[in-house]
Amino acid sequence: MNEKKSIYAWAIYDWANSAYATTVMAGFFPLFFKSYFSAEADVTMSTAQLGFANALSSLVIVLIAPLLGAISDVGNVKKRFLFLFAYLGILMSASLAFVGKGEWEMAIFVYVLGNIGFMGSNTFYDALLPSIAKRKEFDRVSGLGFALGYLGGGILFALNVAMVQFPSFFSLSGETEAVKVAFITVALWWALFSLPLLLFVKEDKNPEKKGSIQTILLGYKRLTGTLKKIRLLKGLLLFLVAYWLYIDGVNTIIRMAVDYGMAIGFDPKSLIVALLIVQFIGFPATLFFAYLAQRWDTKKAIYLAIGTYLFITLWAMAMDQVYEFYLLALLIALVQGGIQALSRSYYAKMIPEEYAAEFFGFYNFLGKFATILGPALVGIVAVMTENSRAGIASVAIFFILGLLLLMKVDEKKAAEEVRAALS
């Protein structure tokens, strides 16, 4: 019973922080940035500004995640680090409501800090998976987390959309005030639904009490030791590079889809409806992918998702009708949660539990490093070609290369290499 309680408490955190991913990152911040925070800027330039903001926040996580992961493994303080970053994200989400019109520099600053909080907390959230579930349950539990994330994020996002479209019903003065209140609701939602993880997910106590400085030094020593052995982890590294490439395309589409739709002339309200489609179809679709992985094969299910994303990217380059955006949103909804959940569980099968946070630090290191390249590439190509379609088309290369490398990965052999290197 306690094991089930821990699993559901862990999974509910995805319900909590996905509100930030949907309402802030994917939904209202890109729209509000163009129309309010950066209202005077050229459409293409604001696309570049948003792309570089996403890249900067990812760069910070790239630089700190592996070391913090090693420190948290040594000190058994994954939960403490998780909530340190979560509270940063919660505070910054609420702070967006107080940034004024035209203050794009401050908006970018607050948004970057919020993203760091969101992504940093996810590093330690992922690292808790091996300690709350058995290996054979990784696909199911990881899928449950992402599925609840889509549902929870979608419910709050639907409420936020209603607030923006019918502000008077909520006693709000107009769309601007509604968006600002939406940012505050995200902070409250994230804080409230983080409580089950805080209360019911237990982390083993370290039998040896260590001071903060000693823990940091031991974490640094462990990280440097792992890095020295990294050449022995060929299978794991191959997967991480493959993941780095294909998840770049996924994250870039998540963060830049609304901005791209606006750049090619679609009505912002139509784009918001498309995001809602992704959230609510993503819930059952992610559970289905977890089931597919258990009944079929985790790796083959990831292949299916990558191939679908490649098709989506190429279609997006040529689309010119709003109904096409809806169809693409439907396709994204079918595979987005699946590729995220199964990548996490596939990787968890290769690593030992006692090194989970450190190795998920590398996982998020490469995942977020990819997110530096993707949005930045979209921005650079869009500016150089003066064409947003060319910018989004550039993402296809990441799916192609990622798929080719993933085909060479043998997860069982990779797990054996990791155990041998760290023993």
Protein backbone atom coordinates (compact mmCIF):
# COMPACT_ATOMS: atom_id res chain seq x y z
CA MET A 1 0.00 0.00 0.00
CA ASN A 2 2.84 2.38 0.89
CA GLU A 3 4.51 1.58 -2.43
CA LYS A 4 1.33 2.49 -4.34
CA LYS A 5 0.94 5.67 -2.30
CA SER A 6 4.52 6.65 -3.15
CA ILE A 7 3.97 5.97 -6.86
CA TYR A 8 0.80 8.07 -7.03
CA ALA A 9 2.32 10.84 -4.91
CA TRP A 10 5.33 10.89 -7.25
CA ALA A 11 3.14 10.89 -10.38
CA ILE A 12 0.95 13.72 -9.05
CA TYR A 13 3.98 16.04 -9.14
CA ASP A 14 3.77 15.88 -12.95
CA TRP A 15 0.14 17.02 -12.59
CA ALA A 16 1.46 19.92 -10.48
CA ASN A 17 4.34 21.32 -12.51
CA SER A 18 2.88 20.62 -15.96
CA ALA A 19 0.69 23.66 -15.36
CA TYR A 20 3.84 25.74 -15.89
CA ALA A 21 4.75 23.86 -19.07
CA THR A 22 1.29 24.34 -20.60
CA THR A 23 0.02 27.74 -19.41
CA VAL A 24 3.37 29.54 -19.27
CA MET A 25 5.92 27.91 -21.58
CA ALA A 26 3.71 26.58 -24.38
CA GLY A 27 0.64 28.81 -24.07
CA PHE A 28 0.40 32.32 -22.71
CA PHE A 29 4.00 33.46 -22.37
CA PRO A 30 4.78 33.21 -26.14
CA LEU A 31 1.47 34.95 -26.96
CA PHE A 32 1.82 37.59 -24.25
CA PHE A 33 5.48 38.15 -25.08
CA LYS A 34 4.63 39.10 -28.66
CA SER A 35 1.54 41.17 -27.87
CA TYR A 36 2.50 42.74 -24.53
CA PHE A 37 6.04 42.30 -23.20
CA SER A 38 7.66 42.80 -26.62
CA ALA A 39 4.83 44.64 -28.35
CA GLU A 40 7.05 47.07 -30.29
CA ALA A 41 9.40 44.44 -31.73
CA ASP A 42 9.27 42.94 -35.22
CA VAL A 43 7.55 39.51 -35.33
CA THR A 44 10.70 37.70 -36.49
CA MET A 45 12.86 39.47 -33.89
CA SER A 46 10.50 38.51 -31.05
CA THR A 47 10.71 34.91 -32.27
CA ALA A 48 14.48 35.12 -31.96
CA GLN A 49 14.24 36.73 -28.49
CA LEU A 50 11.98 33.93 -27.27
CA GLY A 51 14.23 31.27 -28.79
CA PHE A 52 17.32 32.69 -27.12
CA ALA A 53 15.50 32.99 -23.75
CA ASN A 54 14.63 29.28 -23.88
CA ALA A 55 18.21 28.49 -24.87
CA LEU A 56 19.70 30.52 -21.99
CA SER A 57 17.59 28.82 -19.31
CA SER A 58 18.56 25.42 -20.72
CA LEU A 59 22.25 26.37 -20.70
CA VAL A 60 22.14 27.05 -16.95
CA ILE A 61 20.66 23.59 -16.29
CA VAL A 62 23.29 22.04 -18.57
CA LEU A 63 26.04 23.54 -16.43
CA ILE A 64 24.70 22.60 -12.98
CA ALA A 65 22.54 19.46 -13.27
CA PRO A 66 25.23 16.71 -13.27
CA LEU A 67 27.10 18.15 -10.27
CA LEU A 68 23.93 18.78 -8.26
CA GLY A 69 22.78 15.27 -9.14
CA ALA A 70 26.00 13.75 -7.81
CA ILE A 71 25.74 15.85 -4.63
CA SER A 72 22.12 14.79 -4.07
CA ASP A 73 23.04 11.10 -4.54
CA VAL A 74 25.82 11.34 -1.96
CA GLY A 75 23.66 13.20 0.55
CA ASN A 76 20.33 11.51 -0.31
CA VAL A 77 18.77 14.95 -0.76
CA LYS A 78 16.97 14.59 -4.10
CA LYS A 79 13.70 15.83 -2.61
CA ARG A 80 15.40 18.84 -1.05
CA PHE A 81 16.91 19.89 -4.38
CA LEU A 82 13.61 19.17 -6.16
CA PHE A 83 11.72 21.58 -3.95
CA LEU A 84 14.48 24.21 -4.02
CA PHE A 85 14.06 24.46 -7.79
CA ALA A 86 10.28 24.02 -7.65
CA TYR A 87 9.89 27.00 -5.34
CA LEU A 88 12.03 29.10 -7.66
CA GLY A 89 9.72 28.20 -10.56
CA ILE A 90 6.61 28.85 -8.48
CA LEU A 91 7.85 32.29 -7.41
CA MET A 92 8.85 33.29 -10.94
CA SER A 93 5.54 32.18 -12.42
CA ALA A 94 3.70 34.46 -10.01
CA SER A 95 6.21 37.26 -10.69
CA LEU A 96 5.36 37.33 -14.41
CA ALA A 97 2.03 38.90 -13.43
CA PHE A 98 3.85 42.02 -12.24
CA VAL A 99 5.98 42.70 -15.34
CA GLY A 100 4.73 45.73 -17.28
CA LYS A 101 3.99 46.27 -20.96
CA GLY A 102 7.08 46.70 -23.12
CA GLU A 103 9.38 45.44 -20.37
CA TRP A 104 10.64 42.56 -22.49
CA GLU A 105 14.04 42.42 -20.79
CA MET A 106 12.46 41.89 -17.33
CA ALA A 107 9.98 39.40 -18.82
CA ILE A 108 12.86 37.40 -20.29
CA PHE A 109 14.78 37.53 -16.97
CA VAL A 110 11.81 36.23 -14.94
CA TYR A 111 10.92 33.64 -17.59
CA VAL A 112 14.48 32.30 -17.70
CA LEU A 113 14.53 31.88 -13.90
CA GLY A 114 11.12 30.19 -14.02
CA ASN A 115 12.35 27.76 -16.65
CA ILE A 116 15.43 26.99 -14.55
CA GLY A 117 13.15 26.17 -11.62
CA PHE A 118 10.91 23.98 -13.76
CA MET A 119 13.70 22.07 -15.48
CA GLY A 120 15.89 21.79 -12.39
CA SER A 121 13.11 20.26 -10.31
CA ASN A 122 12.42 17.76 -13.09
CA THR A 123 16.01 16.48 -12.91
CA PHE A 124 15.49 15.32 -9.32
CA TYR A 125 11.90 14.23 -9.98
CA ASP A 126 13.14 11.89 -12.72
CA ALA A 127 15.89 10.62 -10.42
CA LEU A 128 13.32 9.45 -7.85
CA LEU A 129 11.77 6.98 -10.34
CA PRO A 130 14.15 4.07 -9.62
CA SER A 131 13.55 4.41 -5.87
CA ILE A 132 9.73 4.33 -5.98
CA ALA A 133 9.13 1.64 -8.64
CA LYS A 134 10.50 -1.75 -9.62
CA ARG A 135 12.40 -2.04 -12.90
CA LYS A 136 9.58 -3.95 -14.62
CA GLU A 137 7.18 -1.12 -13.70
CA PHE A 138 9.32 1.76 -15.07
CA ASP A 139 7.38 2.11 -18.34
CA ARG A 140 3.99 2.07 -16.58
CA VAL A 141 4.94 4.44 -13.76
CA SER A 142 6.80 6.86 -16.01
CA GLY A 143 3.82 6.85 -18.38
CA LEU A 144 1.43 7.46 -15.48
CA GLY A 145 3.42 10.55 -14.49
CA PHE A 146 3.38 12.08 -17.94
CA ALA A 147 -0.28 11.16 -18.46
CA LEU A 148 -1.32 12.89 -15.24
CA GLY A 149 0.82 15.82 -16.31
CA TYR A 150 -1.18 16.21 -19.50
CA LEU A 151 -4.47 15.92 -17.65
CA GLY A 152 -3.57 18.27 -14.80
CA GLY A 153 -1.88 20.79 -17.03
CA GLY A 154 -4.82 20.62 -19.42
CA ILE A 155 -7.45 21.20 -16.73
CA LEU A 156 -5.78 24.36 -15.43
CA PHE A 157 -4.99 25.51 -18.96
CA ALA A 158 -8.66 25.11 -19.95
CA LEU A 159 -9.63 27.26 -16.96
CA ASN A 160 -7.02 29.85 -17.94
CA VAL A 161 -8.25 29.91 -21.54
CA ALA A 162 -11.80 30.47 -20.29
CA MET A 163 -10.53 33.34 -18.13
CA VAL A 164 -8.89 34.99 -21.15
CA GLN A 165 -11.83 34.49 -23.50
CA PHE A 166 -14.53 35.45 -20.96
CA PRO A 167 -12.78 37.79 -18.50
CA SER A 168 -15.97 39.53 -17.33
CA PHE A 169 -17.38 36.19 -16.14
CA PHE A 170 -14.40 35.94 -13.77
CA SER A 171 -14.70 39.61 -12.71
CA LEU A 172 -11.55 40.51 -14.65
CA SER A 173 -11.11 43.76 -16.57
CA GLY A 174 -9.92 42.18 -19.83
CA GLU A 175 -7.54 39.74 -21.52
CA THR A 176 -4.40 41.35 -20.12
CA GLU A 177 -5.51 41.00 -16.52
CA ALA A 178 -6.75 37.47 -17.23
CA VAL A 179 -3.32 36.36 -18.51
CA LYS A 180 -1.61 37.89 -15.48
CA VAL A 181 -4.00 36.09 -13.12
CA ALA A 182 -3.36 32.89 -15.08
CA PHE A 183 0.35 33.15 -14.24
CA ILE A 184 -0.57 33.37 -10.55
CA THR A 185 -2.92 30.35 -10.76
CA VAL A 186 -0.03 28.30 -12.15
CA ALA A 187 2.06 29.15 -9.08
CA LEU A 188 -0.76 28.19 -6.72
CA TRP A 189 -1.54 24.95 -8.60
CA TRP A 190 2.13 23.91 -8.69
CA ALA A 191 2.58 24.61 -4.98
CA LEU A 192 -0.60 22.80 -3.89
CA PHE A 193 -0.17 19.59 -5.89
CA SER A 194 3.52 19.28 -4.97
CA LEU A 195 2.47 18.46 -1.39
CA PRO A 196 1.79 14.70 -1.93
CA LEU A 197 5.36 14.14 -3.13
CA LEU A 198 6.69 16.16 -0.21
CA LEU A 199 4.63 14.17 2.30
CA PHE A 200 4.49 10.61 0.95
CA VAL A 201 7.60 9.95 -1.16
CA LYS A 202 10.31 8.83 1.23
CA GLU A 203 14.00 9.07 0.52
CA ASP A 204 16.42 6.73 2.29
CA LYS A 205 18.39 8.47 4.99
CA ASN A 206 22.14 8.53 4.61
CA PRO A 207 23.56 6.37 7.43
CA GLU A 208 26.60 8.64 7.67
CA LYS A 209 25.83 12.23 8.59
CA LYS A 210 27.89 14.63 6.51
CA GLY A 211 28.21 18.37 6.60
CA SER A 212 27.20 20.49 3.61
CA ILE A 213 30.79 21.16 2.52
CA GLN A 214 31.74 17.50 2.82
CA THR A 215 28.66 16.46 0.82
CA ILE A 216 29.52 18.93 -1.96
CA LEU A 217 33.14 17.72 -2.08
CA LEU A 218 32.08 14.07 -2.16
CA GLY A 219 29.55 14.86 -4.89
CA TYR A 220 32.24 16.59 -6.93
CA LYS A 221 34.59 13.63 -6.38
CA ARG A 222 31.92 11.17 -7.50
CA LEU A 223 31.12 13.21 -10.61
CA THR A 224 34.78 13.49 -11.64
CA GLY A 225 35.19 9.76 -11.05
CA THR A 226 32.22 8.99 -13.30
CA LEU A 227 33.53 11.32 -15.98
CA LYS A 228 36.86 9.48 -15.96
CA LYS A 229 35.01 6.22 -16.61
CA ILE A 230 32.67 7.71 -19.20
CA ARG A 231 34.59 6.21 -22.12
CA LEU A 232 33.63 2.75 -20.80
CA LEU A 233 29.90 3.55 -20.98
CA LYS A 234 29.62 3.34 -24.77
CA GLY A 235 26.04 2.07 -24.95
CA LEU A 236 24.74 4.61 -22.44
CA LEU A 237 26.53 7.45 -24.21
CA LEU A 238 25.12 6.35 -27.56
CA PHE A 239 21.59 6.50 -26.17
CA LEU A 240 22.20 9.88 -24.54
CA VAL A 241 23.41 11.39 -27.81
CA ALA A 242 20.43 9.89 -29.67
CA TYR A 243 18.10 11.23 -26.99
CA TRP A 244 19.84 14.60 -27.11
CA LEU A 245 19.08 14.85 -30.80
CA TYR A 246 15.49 13.65 -31.03
CA ILE A 247 14.25 15.24 -27.80
CA ASP A 248 15.62 18.53 -29.10
CA GLY A 249 13.02 18.40 -31.83
CA VAL A 250 10.27 17.53 -29.34
CA ASN A 251 11.14 20.33 -26.92
CA THR A 252 11.57 22.88 -29.69
CA ILE A 253 8.14 22.11 -31.10
CA ILE A 254 6.62 22.34 -27.60
CA ARG A 255 8.17 25.76 -26.98
CA MET A 256 7.96 27.32 -30.42
CA ALA A 257 4.70 25.94 -31.91
CA VAL A 258 2.46 28.81 -30.80
CA ASP A 259 5.04 31.40 -31.80
CA TYR A 260 5.38 29.74 -35.22
CA GLY A 261 1.60 29.65 -35.72
CA MET A 262 1.40 33.38 -34.99
CA ALA A 263 4.35 34.11 -37.29
CA ILE A 264 2.57 32.52 -40.27
CA GLY A 265 -0.63 34.41 -39.53
CA PHE A 266 -2.91 32.13 -37.52
CA ASP A 267 -5.36 33.54 -34.96
CA PRO A 268 -3.94 33.18 -31.41
CA LYS A 269 -7.28 31.83 -30.12
CA SER A 270 -7.12 28.99 -32.67
CA LEU A 271 -3.63 28.12 -31.45
CA ILE A 272 -4.81 27.94 -27.84
CA VAL A 273 -7.57 25.50 -28.83
CA ALA A 274 -4.90 23.35 -30.52
CA LEU A 275 -2.89 23.29 -27.29
CA LEU A 276 -5.96 22.11 -25.40
CA ILE A 277 -6.32 19.27 -27.91
CA VAL A 278 -2.75 18.20 -27.12
CA GLN A 279 -3.35 18.20 -23.37
CA PHE A 280 -6.52 16.16 -23.21
CA ILE A 281 -5.69 13.65 -25.94
CA GLY A 282 -2.18 13.38 -24.51
CA PHE A 283 -3.55 11.84 -21.31
CA PRO A 284 -4.95 8.56 -22.76
CA ALA A 285 -2.34 8.50 -25.54
CA THR A 286 0.53 8.46 -23.03
CA LEU A 287 -1.07 5.63 -21.08
CA PHE A 288 -1.48 3.74 -24.36
CA PHE A 289 2.22 4.20 -25.21
CA ALA A 290 3.18 2.84 -21.78
CA TYR A 291 0.94 -0.18 -22.45
CA LEU A 292 2.44 -0.54 -25.94
CA ALA A 293 5.96 -0.55 -24.51
CA GLN A 294 5.10 -3.33 -22.07
CA ARG A 295 3.28 -5.47 -24.64
CA TRP A 296 5.50 -4.74 -27.64
CA ASP A 297 8.89 -3.14 -27.00
CA THR A 298 9.99 0.17 -25.44
CA LYS A 299 12.53 0.96 -28.13
CA LYS A 300 10.19 0.21 -31.03
CA ALA A 301 7.52 2.42 -29.47
CA ILE A 302 10.07 5.27 -29.36
CA TYR A 303 10.85 4.63 -33.06
CA LEU A 304 7.16 5.08 -33.84
CA ALA A 305 7.04 8.38 -32.00
CA ILE A 306 10.18 9.76 -33.68
CA GLY A 307 8.89 8.85 -37.13
CA THR A 308 5.60 10.62 -36.38
CA TYR A 309 7.45 13.74 -35.25
CA LEU A 310 9.51 13.82 -38.42
CA PHE A 311 6.30 13.73 -40.46
CA ILE A 312 4.83 16.51 -38.29
CA THR A 313 7.86 18.77 -38.84
CA LEU A 314 7.80 18.39 -42.61
CA TRP A 315 4.04 19.00 -42.77
CA ALA A 316 4.35 22.08 -40.52
CA MET A 317 6.78 23.63 -42.98
CA ALA A 318 4.17 23.60 -45.75
CA MET A 319 0.88 24.14 -43.90
CA ASP A 320 -1.18 27.28 -44.54
CA GLN A 321 -4.63 26.46 -43.08
CA VAL A 322 -5.72 26.53 -39.44
CA TYR A 323 -7.34 23.08 -39.74
CA GLU A 324 -3.88 21.69 -40.57
CA PHE A 325 -2.57 23.13 -37.30
CA TYR A 326 -5.37 21.25 -35.51
CA LEU A 327 -4.49 18.00 -37.27
CA LEU A 328 -0.83 18.45 -36.39
CA ALA A 329 -1.83 19.14 -32.77
CA LEU A 330 -3.74 15.84 -32.80
CA LEU A 331 -0.69 13.95 -34.08
CA ILE A 332 1.55 15.63 -31.50
CA ALA A 333 -0.91 14.69 -28.76
CA LEU A 334 -0.72 11.03 -29.78
CA VAL A 335 3.08 10.78 -29.39
CA GLN A 336 4.42 13.62 -27.24
CA GLY A 337 3.81 12.07 -23.82
CA GLY A 338 4.81 8.63 -25.09
CA ILE A 339 8.24 9.66 -26.34
CA GLN A 340 8.96 11.57 -23.13
CA ALA A 341 7.77 8.85 -20.76
CA LEU A 342 9.41 5.94 -22.56
CA SER A 343 12.72 7.75 -23.02
CA ARG A 344 12.83 8.29 -19.25
CA SER A 345 11.97 4.68 -18.41
CA TYR A 346 14.27 3.26 -21.13
CA TYR A 347 17.17 5.24 -19.64
CA ALA A 348 16.27 4.29 -16.05
CA LYS A 349 16.70 0.62 -17.00
CA MET A 350 20.37 1.25 -17.81
CA ILE A 351 21.44 2.97 -14.57
CA PRO A 352 21.93 1.85 -10.94
CA GLU A 353 19.56 3.36 -8.36
CA GLU A 354 22.37 4.66 -6.14
CA TYR A 355 23.62 6.83 -9.04
CA ALA A 356 20.17 7.87 -10.25
CA ALA A 357 20.32 11.64 -9.69
CA GLU A 358 23.84 11.93 -11.09
CA PHE A 359 22.94 9.95 -14.22
CA PHE A 360 19.65 11.76 -14.63
CA GLY A 361 21.75 14.89 -14.34
CA PHE A 362 23.55 13.74 -17.49
CA TYR A 363 20.20 12.83 -19.03
CA ASN A 364 18.82 16.30 -18.42
CA PHE A 365 22.21 17.80 -19.26
CA LEU A 366 21.95 16.49 -22.81
CA GLY A 367 18.20 16.96 -23.04
CA LYS A 368 18.47 20.59 -22.07
CA PHE A 369 21.63 21.16 -24.10
CA ALA A 370 19.57 20.03 -27.06
CA THR A 371 16.96 22.61 -26.08
CA ILE A 372 19.67 25.24 -26.36
CA LEU A 373 20.35 24.24 -29.96
CA GLY A 374 16.76 23.76 -31.14
CA PRO A 375 15.14 27.11 -30.27
CA ALA A 376 18.39 28.93 -31.10
CA LEU A 377 18.53 27.21 -34.51
CA VAL A 378 14.91 28.11 -35.22
CA GLY A 379 15.65 31.73 -34.29
CA ILE A 380 18.87 31.95 -36.31
CA VAL A 381 17.42 30.33 -39.44
CA ALA A 382 14.27 32.48 -39.19
CA VAL A 383 16.34 35.68 -38.97
CA MET A 384 18.83 34.68 -41.69
CA THR A 385 16.16 33.58 -44.17
CA GLU A 386 13.49 36.04 -42.99
CA ASN A 387 11.19 33.02 -43.10
CA SER A 388 9.68 31.29 -40.05
CA ARG A 389 8.86 28.20 -42.15
CA ALA A 390 12.55 27.62 -42.83
CA GLY A 391 13.19 27.95 -39.10
CA ILE A 392 10.74 25.21 -38.14
CA ALA A 393 11.93 22.96 -40.99
CA SER A 394 15.45 22.98 -39.55
CA VAL A 395 14.21 20.87 -36.61
CA ALA A 396 13.80 17.77 -38.85
CA ILE A 397 17.55 17.10 -38.85
CA PHE A 398 17.45 16.29 -35.13
CA PHE A 399 14.78 13.61 -35.55
CA ILE A 400 16.64 11.96 -38.43
CA LEU A 401 20.00 11.79 -36.66
CA GLY A 402 18.44 10.76 -33.34
CA LEU A 403 16.59 7.85 -34.94
CA LEU A 404 19.72 6.59 -36.73
CA LEU A 405 21.74 6.55 -33.50
CA LEU A 406 18.97 5.02 -31.38
CA MET A 407 18.87 2.05 -33.76
CA LYS A 408 22.41 1.18 -32.63
CA VAL A 409 21.59 1.09 -28.87
CA ASP A 410 21.38 -2.21 -26.94
CA GLU A 411 19.98 -1.32 -23.49
CA LYS A 412 20.90 -4.62 -21.80
CA LYS A 413 24.51 -4.39 -22.92
CA ALA A 414 24.58 -0.72 -21.89
CA ALA A 415 23.35 -1.61 -18.38
CA GLU A 416 26.05 -4.28 -18.04
CA GLU A 417 28.72 -1.75 -19.08
CA VAL A 418 27.51 0.74 -16.46
CA ARG A 419 27.53 -1.85 -13.66
CA ALA A 420 31.00 -3.07 -14.64
CA ALA A 421 32.44 0.45 -14.82
CA LEU A 422 31.04 1.55 -11.44
CA SER A 423 31.73 -1.66 -9.51
